[in-house]
């Protein structure tokens, strides 16, 4: 099922699920925010301009997992293995993907979907080729096809190709597979960004992307 009615169902489900999750998880969100505030100075949330459907920029919300001003230190947007900029609470949040929960607010606002290509920094747009930019034909997602097939373990070209495959093959059934597959993937804790290997910044081929 992938016509206009299916897309309307997807939008409705996104809003209802995200709003309900925010309400149910409010105590947990409050505790996590308190832990972040007590451990290190700086805001509780990390905000960054990223891209969603139609290359529209928006501010993504995540719990802050690194020291204040980390993007101007060390590896910048990339995250190295055992990155010293990550706080102790931040390592726990990254290992469990709890740092992603504030993006439920982006979904409620209609900027993101529960399922879709990951929201990536605006600076990446000029580095993508025409096919890779097709990932912007749908809303950015909290989880997606690439996230349950390797996540940060995948090289960038393969990750982006999976995003395009999702765009070309989208259906409610595919979203359901990703939704339930995400829980299994989180339990396995594979591909989390604070484990060995880190997360490399995306570079176009002429920039020497590896």
C-alpha atoms as a PDB file:
ATOM      1  CA  UNK A   1       0.000   0.000   0.000  1.00  0.00           C
ATOM      2  CA  UNK A   2       1.703   3.165  -1.194  1.00  0.00           C
ATOM      3  CA  UNK A   3      -0.813   5.604  -2.700  1.00  0.00           C
ATOM      4  CA  UNK A   4      -2.173   8.912  -1.310  1.00  0.00           C
ATOM      5  CA  UNK A   5      -4.236   7.119   1.330  1.00  0.00           C
ATOM      6  CA  UNK A   6      -1.167   5.212   2.517  1.00  0.00           C
ATOM      7  CA  UNK A   7       0.823   8.440   2.790  1.00  0.00           C
ATOM      8  CA  UNK A   8      -1.990  10.039   4.793  1.00  0.00           C
ATOM      9  CA  UNK A   9      -1.940   7.044   7.147  1.00  0.00           C
ATOM     10  CA  UNK A  10       1.828   7.438   7.537  1.00  0.00           C
ATOM     11  CA  UNK A  11       1.500  11.122   8.468  1.00  0.00           C
ATOM     12  CA  UNK A  12      -1.287  10.407  10.960  1.00  0.00           C
ATOM     13  CA  UNK A  13       0.608   7.532  12.545  1.00  0.00           C
ATOM     14  CA  UNK A  14       3.748   9.674  12.856  1.00  0.00           C
ATOM     15  CA  UNK A  15       1.900  12.388  14.769  1.00  0.00           C
ATOM     16  CA  UNK A  16      -0.117  10.109  17.047  1.00  0.00           C
ATOM     17  CA  UNK A  17       2.817   7.814  17.851  1.00  0.00           C
ATOM     18  CA  UNK A  18       5.290  10.642  18.449  1.00  0.00           C
ATOM     19  CA  UNK A  19       2.927  12.707  20.616  1.00  0.00           C
ATOM     20  CA  UNK A  20       1.896   9.660  22.624  1.00  0.00           C
ATOM     21  CA  UNK A  21       5.529   8.668  23.115  1.00  0.00           C
ATOM     22  CA  UNK A  22       6.477  12.141  24.364  1.00  0.00           C
ATOM     23  CA  UNK A  23       3.667  12.006  26.942  1.00  0.00           C
ATOM     24  CA  UNK A  24       4.444   8.459  28.106  1.00  0.00           C
ATOM     25  CA  UNK A  25       8.217   9.015  28.183  1.00  0.00           C
ATOM     26  CA  UNK A  26       8.064  12.446  29.842  1.00  0.00           C
ATOM     27  CA  UNK A  27       9.451  11.185  33.199  1.00  0.00           C
ATOM     28  CA  UNK A  28      12.359   9.423  31.462  1.00  0.00           C
ATOM     29  CA  UNK A  29      13.072  12.465  29.297  1.00  0.00           C
ATOM     30  CA  UNK A  30      13.159  14.619  32.417  1.00  0.00           C
ATOM     31  CA  UNK A  31      15.591  12.289  34.191  1.00  0.00           C
ATOM     32  CA  UNK A  32      17.908  12.159  31.188  1.00  0.00           C
ATOM     33  CA  UNK A  33      17.860  15.943  30.893  1.00  0.00           C
ATOM     34  CA  UNK A  34      18.730  16.270  34.577  1.00  0.00           C
ATOM     35  CA  UNK A  35      21.634  13.806  34.260  1.00  0.00           C
ATOM     36  CA  UNK A  36      23.065  15.752  31.322  1.00  0.00           C
ATOM     37  CA  UNK A  37      22.743  19.080  33.136  1.00  0.00           C
ATOM     38  CA  UNK A  38      24.398  17.766  36.296  1.00  0.00           C
ATOM     39  CA  UNK A  39      27.388  16.211  34.523  1.00  0.00           C
ATOM     40  CA  UNK A  40      28.610  19.052  32.315  1.00  0.00           C
ATOM     41  CA  UNK A  41      27.875  22.674  31.569  1.00  0.00           C
ATOM     42  CA  UNK A  42      25.925  23.602  28.473  1.00  0.00           C
ATOM     43  CA  UNK A  43      22.405  23.121  27.217  1.00  0.00           C
ATOM     44  CA  UNK A  44      20.568  19.843  27.606  1.00  0.00           C
ATOM     45  CA  UNK A  45      19.769  19.659  23.896  1.00  0.00           C
ATOM     46  CA  UNK A  46      21.998  19.541  20.843  1.00  0.00           C
ATOM     47  CA  UNK A  47      20.501  21.490  17.936  1.00  0.00           C
ATOM     48  CA  UNK A  48      21.837  21.438  14.413  1.00  0.00           C
ATOM     49  CA  UNK A  49      20.537  22.489  11.014  1.00  0.00           C
ATOM     50  CA  UNK A  50      19.752  19.427   8.945  1.00  0.00           C
ATOM     51  CA  UNK A  51      17.773  18.626   5.818  1.00  0.00           C
ATOM     52  CA  UNK A  52      14.382  17.016   5.336  1.00  0.00           C
ATOM     53  CA  UNK A  53      11.968  16.569   2.416  1.00  0.00           C
ATOM     54  CA  UNK A  54      12.598  18.952  -0.462  1.00  0.00           C
ATOM     55  CA  UNK A  55      16.023  19.899   0.945  1.00  0.00           C
ATOM     56  CA  UNK A  56      14.188  22.018   3.501  1.00  0.00           C
ATOM     57  CA  UNK A  57      16.431  22.928   6.448  1.00  0.00           C
ATOM     58  CA  UNK A  58      15.207  22.475  10.017  1.00  0.00           C
ATOM     59  CA  UNK A  59      16.678  22.298  13.512  1.00  0.00           C
ATOM     60  CA  UNK A  60      17.000  18.718  14.702  1.00  0.00           C
ATOM     61  CA  UNK A  61      16.782  18.019  18.452  1.00  0.00           C
ATOM     62  CA  UNK A  62      18.957  15.488  20.248  1.00  0.00           C
ATOM     63  CA  UNK A  63      20.151  15.137  23.809  1.00  0.00           C
ATOM     64  CA  UNK A  64      23.633  16.615  24.134  1.00  0.00           C
ATOM     65  CA  UNK A  65      26.177  13.803  24.472  1.00  0.00           C
ATOM     66  CA  UNK A  66      29.392  15.781  24.057  1.00  0.00           C
ATOM     67  CA  UNK A  67      31.058  18.664  25.850  1.00  0.00           C
ATOM     68  CA  UNK A  68      29.919  22.174  25.016  1.00  0.00           C
ATOM     69  CA  UNK A  69      31.344  23.395  21.709  1.00  0.00           C
ATOM     70  CA  UNK A  70      32.491  19.895  20.662  1.00  0.00           C
ATOM     71  CA  UNK A  71      31.811  20.574  16.967  1.00  0.00           C
ATOM     72  CA  UNK A  72      34.655  23.111  17.023  1.00  0.00           C
ATOM     73  CA  UNK A  73      37.104  20.679  18.632  1.00  0.00           C
ATOM     74  CA  UNK A  74      39.007  17.603  17.500  1.00  0.00           C
ATOM     75  CA  UNK A  75      37.378  15.746  14.602  1.00  0.00           C
ATOM     76  CA  UNK A  76      34.569  18.290  14.163  1.00  0.00           C
ATOM     77  CA  UNK A  77      31.426  16.645  12.744  1.00  0.00           C
ATOM     78  CA  UNK A  78      33.124  13.240  12.703  1.00  0.00           C
ATOM     79  CA  UNK A  79      33.268  11.102  15.846  1.00  0.00           C
ATOM     80  CA  UNK A  80      36.398   9.131  16.579  1.00  0.00           C
ATOM     81  CA  UNK A  81      36.618   5.829  18.438  1.00  0.00           C
ATOM     82  CA  UNK A  82      36.785   6.574  22.179  1.00  0.00           C
ATOM     83  CA  UNK A  83      36.219  10.260  21.409  1.00  0.00           C
ATOM     84  CA  UNK A  84      37.187  12.234  24.522  1.00  0.00           C
ATOM     85  CA  UNK A  85      34.549  14.870  23.754  1.00  0.00           C
ATOM     86  CA  UNK A  86      31.761  12.429  24.636  1.00  0.00           C
ATOM     87  CA  UNK A  87      30.618  12.691  28.254  1.00  0.00           C
ATOM     88  CA  UNK A  88      29.976   9.681  30.498  1.00  0.00           C
ATOM     89  CA  UNK A  89      26.228  10.209  30.319  1.00  0.00           C
ATOM     90  CA  UNK A  90      26.637  10.795  26.600  1.00  0.00           C
ATOM     91  CA  UNK A  91      28.242   7.388  26.092  1.00  0.00           C
ATOM     92  CA  UNK A  92      25.287   5.718  27.763  1.00  0.00           C
ATOM     93  CA  UNK A  93      22.830   7.717  25.675  1.00  0.00           C
ATOM     94  CA  UNK A  94      24.621   6.856  22.438  1.00  0.00           C
ATOM     95  CA  UNK A  95      24.954   3.179  23.330  1.00  0.00           C
ATOM     96  CA  UNK A  96      21.194   2.939  23.890  1.00  0.00           C
ATOM     97  CA  UNK A  97      20.171   5.501  21.214  1.00  0.00           C
ATOM     98  CA  UNK A  98      18.300   7.434  23.916  1.00  0.00           C
ATOM     99  CA  UNK A  99      19.974  10.606  22.666  1.00  0.00           C
ATOM    100  CA  UNK A 100      17.637  10.398  19.648  1.00  0.00           C
ATOM    101  CA  UNK A 101      14.394  10.640  21.660  1.00  0.00           C
ATOM    102  CA  UNK A 102      14.024  14.447  21.407  1.00  0.00           C
ATOM    103  CA  UNK A 103      13.520  13.983  17.665  1.00  0.00           C
ATOM    104  CA  UNK A 104      10.011  12.874  18.586  1.00  0.00           C
ATOM    105  CA  UNK A 105       9.375  16.613  18.907  1.00  0.00           C
ATOM    106  CA  UNK A 106      10.555  17.116  15.318  1.00  0.00           C
ATOM    107  CA  UNK A 107       8.058  14.450  14.256  1.00  0.00           C
ATOM    108  CA  UNK A 108       5.217  16.121  16.149  1.00  0.00           C
ATOM    109  CA  UNK A 109       6.110  19.396  14.390  1.00  0.00           C
ATOM    110  CA  UNK A 110       5.904  17.637  11.020  1.00  0.00           C
ATOM    111  CA  UNK A 111       9.575  18.151  10.192  1.00  0.00           C
ATOM    112  CA  UNK A 112      10.450  14.473  10.366  1.00  0.00           C
ATOM    113  CA  UNK A 113       8.818  11.073  10.052  1.00  0.00           C
ATOM    114  CA  UNK A 114       9.233   8.062  12.272  1.00  0.00           C
ATOM    115  CA  UNK A 115      10.626   6.106   9.290  1.00  0.00           C
ATOM    116  CA  UNK A 116      12.812   7.630   6.588  1.00  0.00           C
ATOM    117  CA  UNK A 117      16.399   8.491   5.641  1.00  0.00           C
ATOM    118  CA  UNK A 118      18.398   9.935   8.509  1.00  0.00           C
ATOM    119  CA  UNK A 119      18.497  13.716   8.788  1.00  0.00           C
ATOM    120  CA  UNK A 120      21.991  14.813   7.785  1.00  0.00           C
ATOM    121  CA  UNK A 121      23.732  18.212   8.061  1.00  0.00           C
ATOM    122  CA  UNK A 122      22.901  20.854   5.465  1.00  0.00           C
ATOM    123  CA  UNK A 123      26.575  21.110   4.546  1.00  0.00           C
ATOM    124  CA  UNK A 124      26.402  17.623   2.993  1.00  0.00           C
ATOM    125  CA  UNK A 125      23.958  18.629   0.235  1.00  0.00           C
ATOM    126  CA  UNK A 126      26.588  19.998  -2.149  1.00  0.00           C
ATOM    127  CA  UNK A 127      28.633  16.805  -1.738  1.00  0.00           C
ATOM    128  CA  UNK A 128      25.893  14.432  -2.913  1.00  0.00           C
ATOM    129  CA  UNK A 129      25.422  13.433  -6.529  1.00  0.00           C
ATOM    130  CA  UNK A 130      22.049  13.618  -8.263  1.00  0.00           C
ATOM    131  CA  UNK A 131      21.013  10.111  -7.250  1.00  0.00           C
ATOM    132  CA  UNK A 132      22.024  10.552  -3.614  1.00  0.00           C
ATOM    133  CA  UNK A 133      19.899  13.698  -3.433  1.00  0.00           C
ATOM    134  CA  UNK A 134      16.823  11.563  -4.105  1.00  0.00           C
ATOM    135  CA  UNK A 135      16.878  10.697  -0.397  1.00  0.00           C
ATOM    136  CA  UNK A 136      15.372  14.176   0.084  1.00  0.00           C
ATOM    137  CA  UNK A 137      12.178  13.239  -1.769  1.00  0.00           C
ATOM    138  CA  UNK A 138      10.730  12.089   1.562  1.00  0.00           C
ATOM    139  CA  UNK A 139      10.898  13.372   5.125  1.00  0.00           C
ATOM    140  CA  UNK A 140      13.933  12.553   7.201  1.00  0.00           C
ATOM    141  CA  UNK A 141      13.277   9.747   9.666  1.00  0.00           C
ATOM    142  CA  UNK A 142      14.108   8.793  13.229  1.00  0.00           C
ATOM    143  CA  UNK A 143      15.043   5.354  11.908  1.00  0.00           C
ATOM    144  CA  UNK A 144      15.281   3.886   8.440  1.00  0.00           C
ATOM    145  CA  UNK A 145      16.314   1.101   6.084  1.00  0.00           C
ATOM    146  CA  UNK A 146      20.034   1.858   6.439  1.00  0.00           C
ATOM    147  CA  UNK A 147      19.745   2.009  10.227  1.00  0.00           C
ATOM    148  CA  UNK A 148      18.636  -1.627  10.482  1.00  0.00           C
ATOM    149  CA  UNK A 149      21.221  -2.824   7.957  1.00  0.00           C
ATOM    150  CA  UNK A 150      24.432  -1.651   9.501  1.00  0.00           C
ATOM    151  CA  UNK A 151      23.890   1.926  10.618  1.00  0.00           C
ATOM    152  CA  UNK A 152      27.298   3.524  11.279  1.00  0.00           C
ATOM    153  CA  UNK A 153      29.130   0.367  10.241  1.00  0.00           C
ATOM    154  CA  UNK A 154      28.186   1.026   6.602  1.00  0.00           C
ATOM    155  CA  UNK A 155      30.399   3.129   4.310  1.00  0.00           C
ATOM    156  CA  UNK A 156      28.698   6.357   3.269  1.00  0.00           C
ATOM    157  CA  UNK A 157      28.001   5.442  -0.396  1.00  0.00           C
ATOM    158  CA  UNK A 158      26.246   2.239   0.676  1.00  0.00           C
ATOM    159  CA  UNK A 159      24.262   4.018   3.382  1.00  0.00           C
ATOM    160  CA  UNK A 160      23.042   6.680   0.956  1.00  0.00           C
ATOM    161  CA  UNK A 161      22.159   4.071  -1.665  1.00  0.00           C
ATOM    162  CA  UNK A 162      19.989   2.304   0.922  1.00  0.00           C
ATOM    163  CA  UNK A 163      18.217   5.604   1.541  1.00  0.00           C
ATOM    164  CA  UNK A 164      17.469   5.960  -2.165  1.00  0.00           C
ATOM    165  CA  UNK A 165      16.291   2.333  -2.309  1.00  0.00           C
ATOM    166  CA  UNK A 166      13.843   3.152   0.485  1.00  0.00           C
ATOM    167  CA  UNK A 167      12.497   6.143  -1.467  1.00  0.00           C
ATOM    168  CA  UNK A 168      12.015   4.009  -4.579  1.00  0.00           C
ATOM    169  CA  UNK A 169      10.369   1.111  -2.754  1.00  0.00           C
ATOM    170  CA  UNK A 170       8.431   2.811   0.027  1.00  0.00           C
ATOM    171  CA  UNK A 171       5.208   1.247   1.295  1.00  0.00           C
ATOM    172  CA  UNK A 172       3.437   0.950   4.619  1.00  0.00           C
ATOM    173  CA  UNK A 173       4.575  -2.675   4.745  1.00  0.00           C
ATOM    174  CA  UNK A 174       8.206  -1.603   4.368  1.00  0.00           C
ATOM    175  CA  UNK A 175       7.765   0.967   7.141  1.00  0.00           C
ATOM    176  CA  UNK A 176       6.342  -1.760   9.387  1.00  0.00           C
ATOM    177  CA  UNK A 177       9.383  -3.971   8.699  1.00  0.00           C
ATOM    178  CA  UNK A 178      11.718  -1.119   9.605  1.00  0.00           C
ATOM    179  CA  UNK A 179       9.701  -0.169  12.698  1.00  0.00           C
ATOM    180  CA  UNK A 180       9.876  -3.640  14.237  1.00  0.00           C
ATOM    181  CA  UNK A 181      13.361  -4.294  12.887  1.00  0.00           C
ATOM    182  CA  UNK A 182      14.618  -1.226  14.731  1.00  0.00           C
ATOM    183  CA  UNK A 183      13.823  -2.716  18.127  1.00  0.00           C
ATOM    184  CA  UNK A 184      15.759  -5.892  17.291  1.00  0.00           C
ATOM    185  CA  UNK A 185      18.672  -3.805  16.042  1.00  0.00           C
ATOM    186  CA  UNK A 186      18.755  -1.655  19.178  1.00  0.00           C
ATOM    187  CA  UNK A 187      18.858  -4.742  21.368  1.00  0.00           C
ATOM    188  CA  UNK A 188      21.902  -5.978  19.446  1.00  0.00           C
ATOM    189  CA  UNK A 189      23.578  -2.549  19.942  1.00  0.00           C
ATOM    190  CA  UNK A 190      25.382  -2.883  16.615  1.00  0.00           C
ATOM    191  CA  UNK A 191      26.572   0.218  14.800  1.00  0.00           C
ATOM    192  CA  UNK A 192      26.257   2.646  17.712  1.00  0.00           C
ATOM    193  CA  UNK A 193      28.399   5.718  17.256  1.00  0.00           C
ATOM    194  CA  UNK A 194      30.560   5.509  20.367  1.00  0.00           C
ATOM    195  CA  UNK A 195      32.014   2.070  19.683  1.00  0.00           C
ATOM    196  CA  UNK A 196      35.240   1.246  17.869  1.00  0.00           C
ATOM    197  CA  UNK A 197      35.452   2.872  14.468  1.00  0.00           C
ATOM    198  CA  UNK A 198      33.541   6.029  15.334  1.00  0.00           C
ATOM    199  CA  UNK A 199      31.474   7.923  12.767  1.00  0.00           C
ATOM    200  CA  UNK A 200      33.174   9.505   9.781  1.00  0.00           C
ATOM    201  CA  UNK A 201      32.056  12.773   8.236  1.00  0.00           C
ATOM    202  CA  UNK A 202      30.639  12.345   4.734  1.00  0.00           C
ATOM    203  CA  UNK A 203      32.937  13.492   1.952  1.00  0.00           C
ATOM    204  CA  UNK A 204      32.367  13.393  -1.768  1.00  0.00           C
ATOM    205  CA  UNK A 205      34.733  11.174  -3.810  1.00  0.00           C
ATOM    206  CA  UNK A 206      36.873  14.114  -4.908  1.00  0.00           C
ATOM    207  CA  UNK A 207      37.411  14.962  -1.248  1.00  0.00           C
ATOM    208  CA  UNK A 208      38.941  11.548  -0.628  1.00  0.00           C
ATOM    209  CA  UNK A 209      36.020   9.874   1.143  1.00  0.00           C
ATOM    210  CA  UNK A 210      36.999   6.486   2.512  1.00  0.00           C
END
